[in-house]
Amino acid sequence: MKIFKSGNWKRQALWIPVAIAVILLGSDPWERFPFVQHRRMYCSHDAVKSPYCNFSLFRTLEGHPTASAIAIGADGQTLVSGGQDKTIKVWELQTGKLKKTLRSDSGAINDLAIAPDGKTVVTAGGDRLVRIWDLTSDRPPQILKGHSGSVLHVHIASDGKTVISVADGIDREIKVWDIATGKQKATLPYTHFDDISPDGKTVLFTLPSSKLVAWDVTTNQQQVLQNFFSPSSDLALISLDGQTLVSIKKTGKKSFDLQISDLRTGKIKAKKSFSREIFRLFNMTLSSNFLIGNTPKGLTVWNLQTAEIEAVLDGQPEQMSRLVVSPDGKLLARITRDSRIKVLQRP
């Protein structure tokens, strides 16, 4: 018979409740324990010591099981979720409390955006309508009509005066609206929508020839970006300062290039090749200096100055339907496969 020393026996006995929890809670029980989840986050390049290595689970919001879109307010205090149940929920992040619920009369919420002042929310509806909600009152939303298909994306310009909406359908189109009057200012057909600059002045879309086009909303001029060819399977994003283009291109059967370029001149600032497995998942977002994406490695961070992987925030990949970052880069929110909204925070 093997005799255990008392110290070893005590240490092994501590794992018994953990083993029971693993069985009861399912295949990924670590999500239930925030202190364990924090320990799983690590830097893939310790020498860099990214500020994103300090991310930890800040808040888990439950109560919107059909949530399909989220946005974080500019002050970092409010999160808004929209769902297939036609509702918009406004959450106070500091306490995790539900502050308000708004109900649409028709159409699932495909996307939403919060104005810089935090008082206005714009939603993209599956019923072809754009709605403008005033969070300070109980008045019905202002309704913008004109799209012929389901509205997929909405964006509020940084000045808070302009809304840009993107719709699907037979007549794919991008529309620009005056948020105060609700009047349509411009419209443009497109083949594949890519991104909108935070200031709302530049829209990226792809032509049938796979050329990437920058549309200046203020002047209504279009510029073909000569150094970029962006098929619909690739990704193109505009940085928060509106000066940098981040693009991911398929370069071979098993490889992709991450390219950081000057949006105005097309000059390449940094470029790095990765295996196809790295970019298998395209749920990505930009903070001021980083590209953040959900990949088979986990939640991965790339430095926009070097195009290098700087950190991996989670040791295991997690299926999610949406990933957003706060304007100051200190909050990262995602909708998980179990319909919870997880908010990560760094100092």
Protein backbone atom coordinates (compact mmCIF):
# COMPACT_ATOMS: atom_id res chain seq x y z
CA MET A 1 0.00 0.00 0.00
CA LYS A 2 1.32 3.46 -0.93
CA ILE A 3 1.46 5.87 1.96
CA PHE A 4 0.99 9.60 1.19
CA LYS A 5 2.67 12.25 3.28
CA SER A 6 0.18 14.48 5.04
CA GLY A 7 1.23 17.59 3.11
CA ASN A 8 0.81 15.87 -0.28
CA TRP A 9 -2.53 14.41 0.76
CA LYS A 10 -3.85 17.84 1.70
CA ARG A 11 -2.72 19.38 -1.57
CA GLN A 12 -4.32 16.58 -3.59
CA ALA A 13 -7.52 16.83 -1.59
CA LEU A 14 -7.86 20.47 -2.62
CA TRP A 15 -8.33 19.37 -6.23
CA ILE A 16 -11.35 17.19 -5.43
CA PRO A 17 -13.90 20.08 -5.45
CA VAL A 18 -12.27 21.44 -8.61
CA ALA A 19 -12.67 18.06 -10.33
CA ILE A 20 -16.32 17.96 -9.29
CA ALA A 21 -16.81 21.46 -10.67
CA VAL A 22 -15.29 20.41 -13.99
CA ILE A 23 -17.80 17.60 -14.28
CA LEU A 24 -20.79 19.71 -13.26
CA LEU A 25 -20.02 22.87 -15.18
CA GLY A 26 -19.10 21.34 -18.52
CA SER A 27 -16.20 21.27 -20.92
CA ASP A 28 -14.96 24.82 -20.30
CA PRO A 29 -15.41 25.45 -16.58
CA TRP A 30 -12.62 28.01 -16.36
CA GLU A 31 -14.96 30.71 -17.65
CA ARG A 32 -16.86 30.40 -14.37
CA PHE A 33 -13.83 31.47 -12.34
CA PRO A 34 -12.57 34.99 -13.20
CA PHE A 35 -9.36 34.60 -11.16
CA VAL A 36 -8.42 31.52 -13.18
CA GLN A 37 -9.30 33.23 -16.46
CA HIS A 38 -7.01 36.12 -15.57
CA ARG A 39 -4.11 33.71 -15.10
CA ARG A 40 -4.70 32.16 -18.54
CA MET A 41 -3.98 35.46 -20.29
CA TYR A 42 -0.39 35.80 -21.38
CA CYS A 43 1.99 37.65 -23.68
CA SER A 44 3.32 35.80 -26.67
CA HIS A 45 6.23 38.27 -26.79
CA ASP A 46 7.20 38.89 -23.18
CA ALA A 47 10.00 41.24 -24.19
CA VAL A 48 7.45 43.68 -25.62
CA LYS A 49 5.27 43.69 -22.50
CA SER A 50 2.15 44.96 -24.18
CA PRO A 51 -0.34 46.99 -22.12
CA TYR A 52 -2.90 44.46 -23.32
CA CYS A 53 -1.23 41.82 -21.16
CA ASN A 54 -2.87 43.53 -18.20
CA PHE A 55 -6.41 42.80 -19.40
CA SER A 56 -8.65 40.93 -16.98
CA LEU A 57 -12.33 40.05 -16.87
CA PHE A 58 -14.17 43.15 -15.63
CA ARG A 59 -17.86 42.42 -16.11
CA THR A 60 -20.16 39.71 -17.45
CA LEU A 61 -23.57 40.94 -18.58
CA GLU A 62 -26.42 38.45 -18.72
CA GLY A 63 -30.02 39.09 -19.66
CA HIS A 64 -29.93 39.65 -23.41
CA PRO A 65 -29.78 36.13 -24.87
CA THR A 66 -30.50 37.27 -28.44
CA ALA A 67 -27.84 40.01 -28.47
CA SER A 68 -26.14 40.26 -31.85
CA ALA A 69 -24.62 43.76 -31.71
CA ILE A 70 -22.86 45.78 -29.01
CA ALA A 71 -21.20 49.20 -28.69
CA ILE A 72 -19.33 50.96 -25.90
CA GLY A 73 -19.87 54.65 -25.20
CA ALA A 74 -17.04 57.15 -25.53
CA ASP A 75 -16.90 57.64 -21.76
CA GLY A 76 -16.45 53.91 -21.15
CA GLN A 77 -19.37 53.89 -18.72
CA THR A 78 -22.15 52.59 -20.96
CA LEU A 79 -22.60 49.52 -23.14
CA VAL A 80 -25.56 49.13 -25.48
CA SER A 81 -26.69 45.78 -26.89
CA GLY A 82 -29.17 45.08 -29.68
CA GLY A 83 -30.71 41.76 -30.54
CA GLN A 84 -32.88 39.56 -32.66
CA ASP A 85 -35.66 40.16 -30.13
CA LYS A 86 -35.99 43.73 -31.53
CA THR A 87 -34.82 45.28 -28.26
CA ILE A 88 -31.98 47.63 -27.32
CA LYS A 89 -30.61 47.34 -23.80
CA VAL A 90 -28.54 50.03 -22.10
CA TRP A 91 -26.10 48.77 -19.43
CA GLU A 92 -24.16 50.61 -16.74
CA LEU A 93 -20.72 49.02 -16.89
CA GLN A 94 -19.54 50.06 -13.44
CA THR A 95 -22.33 48.13 -11.72
CA GLY A 96 -23.47 45.77 -14.48
CA LYS A 97 -27.04 46.97 -14.03
CA LEU A 98 -29.56 47.25 -16.87
CA LYS A 99 -30.51 50.94 -17.03
CA LYS A 100 -33.02 50.96 -19.86
CA THR A 101 -34.72 48.77 -22.45
CA LEU A 102 -35.95 50.15 -25.78
CA ARG A 103 -38.26 48.16 -28.02
CA SER A 104 -38.46 48.38 -31.79
CA ASP A 105 -41.83 47.81 -33.42
CA SER A 106 -40.33 45.60 -36.13
CA GLY A 107 -37.04 44.26 -37.43
CA ALA A 108 -34.20 42.55 -35.63
CA ILE A 109 -31.24 44.74 -34.63
CA ASN A 110 -28.29 43.95 -36.93
CA ASP A 111 -25.96 46.70 -35.77
CA LEU A 112 -25.89 49.82 -33.59
CA ALA A 113 -23.75 52.81 -32.72
CA ILE A 114 -23.56 55.32 -29.85
CA ALA A 115 -23.06 59.02 -30.49
CA PRO A 116 -19.97 60.63 -28.89
CA ASP A 117 -22.16 62.50 -26.39
CA GLY A 118 -23.68 59.20 -25.20
CA LYS A 119 -27.23 60.46 -25.62
CA THR A 120 -28.11 58.99 -29.02
CA VAL A 121 -28.13 55.42 -30.34
CA VAL A 122 -28.63 54.54 -33.99
CA THR A 123 -29.73 51.04 -34.98
CA ALA A 124 -29.68 49.05 -38.22
CA GLY A 125 -32.89 47.09 -38.69
CA GLY A 126 -33.69 43.92 -40.54
CA ASP A 127 -36.86 45.70 -41.68
CA ARG A 128 -34.82 48.05 -43.97
CA LEU A 129 -35.11 50.94 -41.50
CA VAL A 130 -32.56 53.02 -39.62
CA ARG A 131 -33.74 54.26 -36.22
CA ILE A 132 -32.37 57.10 -34.11
CA TRP A 133 -33.06 56.70 -30.38
CA ASP A 134 -32.82 59.44 -27.72
CA LEU A 135 -31.59 57.77 -24.52
CA THR A 136 -32.64 60.76 -22.42
CA SER A 137 -36.34 60.44 -23.22
CA ASP A 138 -39.05 57.87 -23.81
CA ARG A 139 -40.04 59.27 -27.19
CA PRO A 140 -40.39 56.84 -30.14
CA PRO A 141 -37.33 56.73 -32.37
CA GLN A 142 -36.85 58.85 -35.45
CA ILE A 143 -37.16 56.52 -38.47
CA LEU A 144 -35.05 56.88 -41.60
CA LYS A 145 -36.52 55.23 -44.70
CA GLY A 146 -34.91 54.65 -48.06
CA HIS A 147 -33.02 51.36 -48.03
CA SER A 148 -34.32 48.54 -50.22
CA GLY A 149 -32.75 45.74 -48.18
CA SER A 150 -31.90 44.76 -44.63
CA VAL A 151 -29.63 47.36 -42.99
CA LEU A 152 -26.43 45.62 -41.91
CA HIS A 153 -24.21 48.39 -40.54
CA VAL A 154 -24.59 51.86 -39.04
CA HIS A 155 -21.98 54.40 -38.04
CA ILE A 156 -22.17 57.79 -36.33
CA ALA A 157 -19.49 60.27 -37.38
CA SER A 158 -17.23 61.63 -34.65
CA ASP A 159 -18.93 65.04 -34.86
CA GLY A 160 -22.24 63.41 -33.94
CA LYS A 161 -24.02 65.03 -36.89
CA THR A 162 -23.92 62.34 -39.58
CA VAL A 163 -25.14 58.75 -39.82
CA ILE A 164 -23.83 56.31 -42.43
CA SER A 165 -25.81 53.13 -43.10
CA VAL A 166 -25.03 50.09 -45.22
CA ALA A 167 -27.76 47.79 -46.56
CA ASP A 168 -27.94 44.45 -48.33
CA GLY A 169 -30.39 43.27 -50.96
CA ILE A 170 -30.77 43.54 -54.72
CA ASP A 171 -29.75 47.20 -54.68
CA ARG A 172 -26.81 47.21 -52.29
CA GLU A 173 -26.18 50.74 -51.13
CA ILE A 174 -24.47 53.06 -48.67
CA LYS A 175 -26.44 56.07 -47.47
CA VAL A 176 -25.41 59.21 -45.61
CA TRP A 177 -27.97 60.96 -43.40
CA ASP A 178 -28.20 64.20 -41.44
CA ILE A 179 -28.85 63.07 -37.87
CA ALA A 180 -30.74 66.25 -36.89
CA THR A 181 -33.18 66.39 -39.80
CA GLY A 182 -33.22 62.74 -40.87
CA LYS A 183 -32.69 63.80 -44.47
CA GLN A 184 -30.59 61.76 -46.87
CA LYS A 185 -27.42 63.59 -47.93
CA ALA A 186 -25.85 61.05 -50.31
CA THR A 187 -26.14 57.48 -51.59
CA LEU A 188 -23.72 55.13 -53.28
CA PRO A 189 -24.07 51.59 -54.65
CA TYR A 190 -21.34 49.14 -53.69
CA THR A 191 -20.20 45.58 -54.31
CA HIS A 192 -18.54 44.80 -50.99
CA PHE A 193 -18.48 47.10 -47.95
CA ASP A 194 -15.24 47.17 -45.96
CA ASP A 195 -15.12 49.92 -43.32
CA ILE A 196 -15.91 53.50 -42.30
CA SER A 197 -13.41 55.89 -40.74
CA PRO A 198 -14.29 56.98 -37.18
CA ASP A 199 -14.83 60.57 -38.30
CA GLY A 200 -17.34 59.36 -40.87
CA LYS A 201 -15.56 61.08 -43.75
CA THR A 202 -14.18 58.01 -45.56
CA VAL A 203 -15.96 54.83 -46.62
CA LEU A 204 -14.05 51.83 -47.99
CA PHE A 205 -15.73 49.47 -50.45
CA THR A 206 -14.61 47.00 -53.09
CA LEU A 207 -15.42 47.12 -56.80
CA PRO A 208 -16.22 44.02 -58.93
CA SER A 209 -12.63 44.28 -60.21
CA SER A 210 -11.48 43.69 -56.60
CA LYS A 211 -10.01 47.18 -56.38
CA LEU A 212 -10.35 48.94 -53.06
CA VAL A 213 -12.01 52.37 -53.23
CA ALA A 214 -11.97 55.19 -50.66
CA TRP A 215 -15.09 57.37 -50.91
CA ASP A 216 -14.80 60.86 -49.40
CA VAL A 217 -18.28 61.46 -48.01
CA THR A 218 -17.78 65.22 -47.63
CA THR A 219 -16.73 65.83 -51.26
CA ASN A 220 -18.43 62.79 -52.84
CA GLN A 221 -15.14 61.92 -54.56
CA GLN A 222 -13.87 58.37 -55.02
CA GLN A 223 -10.23 57.31 -55.06
CA VAL A 224 -9.03 53.88 -56.17
CA LEU A 225 -6.26 52.77 -53.83
CA GLN A 226 -3.76 51.56 -56.39
CA ASN A 227 -1.62 49.51 -54.03
CA PHE A 228 -4.52 47.47 -52.73
CA PHE A 229 -6.63 44.72 -54.23
CA SER A 230 -9.16 43.52 -51.71
CA PRO A 231 -11.35 40.55 -52.67
CA SER A 232 -14.41 40.15 -50.50
CA SER A 233 -12.76 37.40 -48.47
CA ASP A 234 -10.05 39.82 -47.27
CA LEU A 235 -10.28 42.52 -44.64
CA ALA A 236 -9.64 46.27 -44.74
CA LEU A 237 -10.00 48.58 -41.72
CA ILE A 238 -9.32 52.27 -41.10
CA SER A 239 -7.47 53.23 -37.92
CA LEU A 240 -9.06 55.45 -35.28
CA ASP A 241 -7.07 58.49 -36.41
CA GLY A 242 -8.28 57.98 -39.99
CA GLN A 243 -4.72 58.00 -41.34
CA THR A 244 -3.84 54.31 -41.53
CA LEU A 245 -5.22 51.42 -43.56
CA VAL A 246 -4.96 47.95 -42.05
CA SER A 247 -5.48 45.21 -44.61
CA ILE A 248 -5.29 41.45 -44.58
CA LYS A 249 -4.75 39.76 -47.93
CA LYS A 250 -4.61 36.17 -48.99
CA THR A 251 -1.22 35.65 -50.65
CA GLY A 252 -1.21 31.89 -51.11
CA LYS A 253 -3.07 28.74 -50.34
CA LYS A 254 -1.88 28.74 -46.73
CA SER A 255 -0.68 32.27 -46.10
CA PHE A 256 -1.92 35.80 -45.47
CA ASP A 257 -0.23 39.19 -45.31
CA LEU A 258 -1.02 41.77 -42.67
CA GLN A 259 -0.20 45.16 -44.17
CA ILE A 260 -0.14 48.55 -42.44
CA SER A 261 -0.23 51.48 -44.90
CA ASP A 262 -0.71 55.21 -45.08
CA LEU A 263 -4.29 55.71 -46.29
CA ARG A 264 -3.48 58.91 -48.19
CA THR A 265 -0.23 57.95 -49.92
CA GLY A 266 -0.48 54.16 -50.01
CA LYS A 267 3.03 53.87 -48.57
CA ILE A 268 3.51 50.59 -46.70
CA LYS A 269 4.56 51.17 -43.09
CA ALA A 270 4.82 47.54 -42.01
CA LYS A 271 4.08 44.13 -43.46
CA LYS A 272 4.13 40.61 -42.03
CA SER A 273 3.18 37.18 -43.35
CA PHE A 274 1.26 34.66 -41.27
CA SER A 275 -0.04 31.17 -41.82
CA ARG A 276 -3.65 30.76 -42.88
CA GLU A 277 -4.54 29.30 -39.49
CA ILE A 278 -3.82 32.63 -37.78
CA PHE A 279 -6.49 34.49 -39.74
CA ARG A 280 -9.05 31.73 -39.99
CA LEU A 281 -11.46 33.82 -37.91
CA PHE A 282 -12.18 37.36 -39.07
CA ASN A 283 -13.88 38.86 -36.03
CA MET A 284 -11.52 41.81 -35.63
CA THR A 285 -11.50 45.36 -34.32
CA LEU A 286 -9.07 48.28 -34.00
CA SER A 287 -7.95 50.32 -31.02
CA SER A 288 -5.62 53.31 -31.35
CA ASN A 289 -2.42 51.33 -31.89
CA PHE A 290 -3.51 47.72 -32.11
CA LEU A 291 -5.48 45.24 -34.21
CA ILE A 292 -7.38 42.78 -32.04
CA GLY A 293 -8.91 39.58 -33.40
CA ASN A 294 -10.34 36.25 -32.33
CA THR A 295 -8.11 33.55 -33.83
CA PRO A 296 -7.45 29.84 -33.26
CA LYS A 297 -4.72 30.93 -30.82
CA GLY A 298 -7.16 32.97 -28.77
CA LEU A 299 -7.80 36.69 -28.54
CA THR A 300 -4.75 38.02 -30.39
CA VAL A 301 -3.24 41.53 -30.50
CA TRP A 302 -1.10 42.91 -33.35
CA ASN A 303 0.99 46.07 -33.07
CA LEU A 304 0.04 48.54 -35.83
CA GLN A 305 3.57 49.95 -35.95
CA THR A 306 5.33 46.64 -36.59
CA ALA A 307 2.53 44.26 -37.74
CA GLU A 308 3.91 41.78 -35.18
CA ILE A 309 1.81 39.71 -32.79
CA GLU A 310 2.24 41.44 -29.44
CA ALA A 311 0.00 39.53 -27.06
CA VAL A 312 -2.48 36.67 -26.73
CA LEU A 313 -5.16 37.48 -24.19
CA ASP A 314 -6.67 34.03 -23.87
CA GLY A 315 -5.05 30.65 -24.22
CA GLN A 316 -8.06 29.14 -25.97
CA PRO A 317 -10.17 30.47 -28.85
CA GLU A 318 -13.76 31.30 -28.07
CA GLN A 319 -16.59 31.51 -30.56
CA MET A 320 -18.17 34.95 -30.59
CA SER A 321 -20.56 36.92 -32.74
CA ARG A 322 -19.20 40.41 -32.07
CA LEU A 323 -16.01 42.03 -30.80
CA VAL A 324 -15.69 45.75 -29.98
CA VAL A 325 -13.19 47.99 -28.20
CA SER A 326 -13.86 51.26 -26.37
CA PRO A 327 -12.52 54.48 -27.95
CA ASP A 328 -9.75 54.73 -25.34
CA GLY A 329 -8.75 51.08 -25.82
CA LYS A 330 -9.23 50.20 -22.15
CA LEU A 331 -12.37 48.08 -22.53
CA LEU A 332 -12.87 45.11 -24.81
CA ALA A 333 -16.34 43.52 -25.12
CA ARG A 334 -17.49 40.38 -26.89
CA ILE A 335 -20.67 38.36 -27.26
CA THR A 336 -19.88 34.73 -26.46
CA ARG A 337 -21.44 31.60 -27.84
CA ASP A 338 -23.46 31.15 -24.62
CA SER A 339 -25.13 34.55 -25.19
CA ARG A 340 -23.25 36.41 -22.49
CA ILE A 341 -21.52 39.75 -22.95
CA LYS A 342 -18.01 39.70 -21.49
CA VAL A 343 -16.16 42.92 -20.85
CA LEU A 344 -12.39 42.91 -20.33
CA GLN A 345 -10.57 45.86 -18.80
CA ARG A 346 -6.96 47.01 -18.53
CA PRO A 347 -5.54 49.70 -16.21
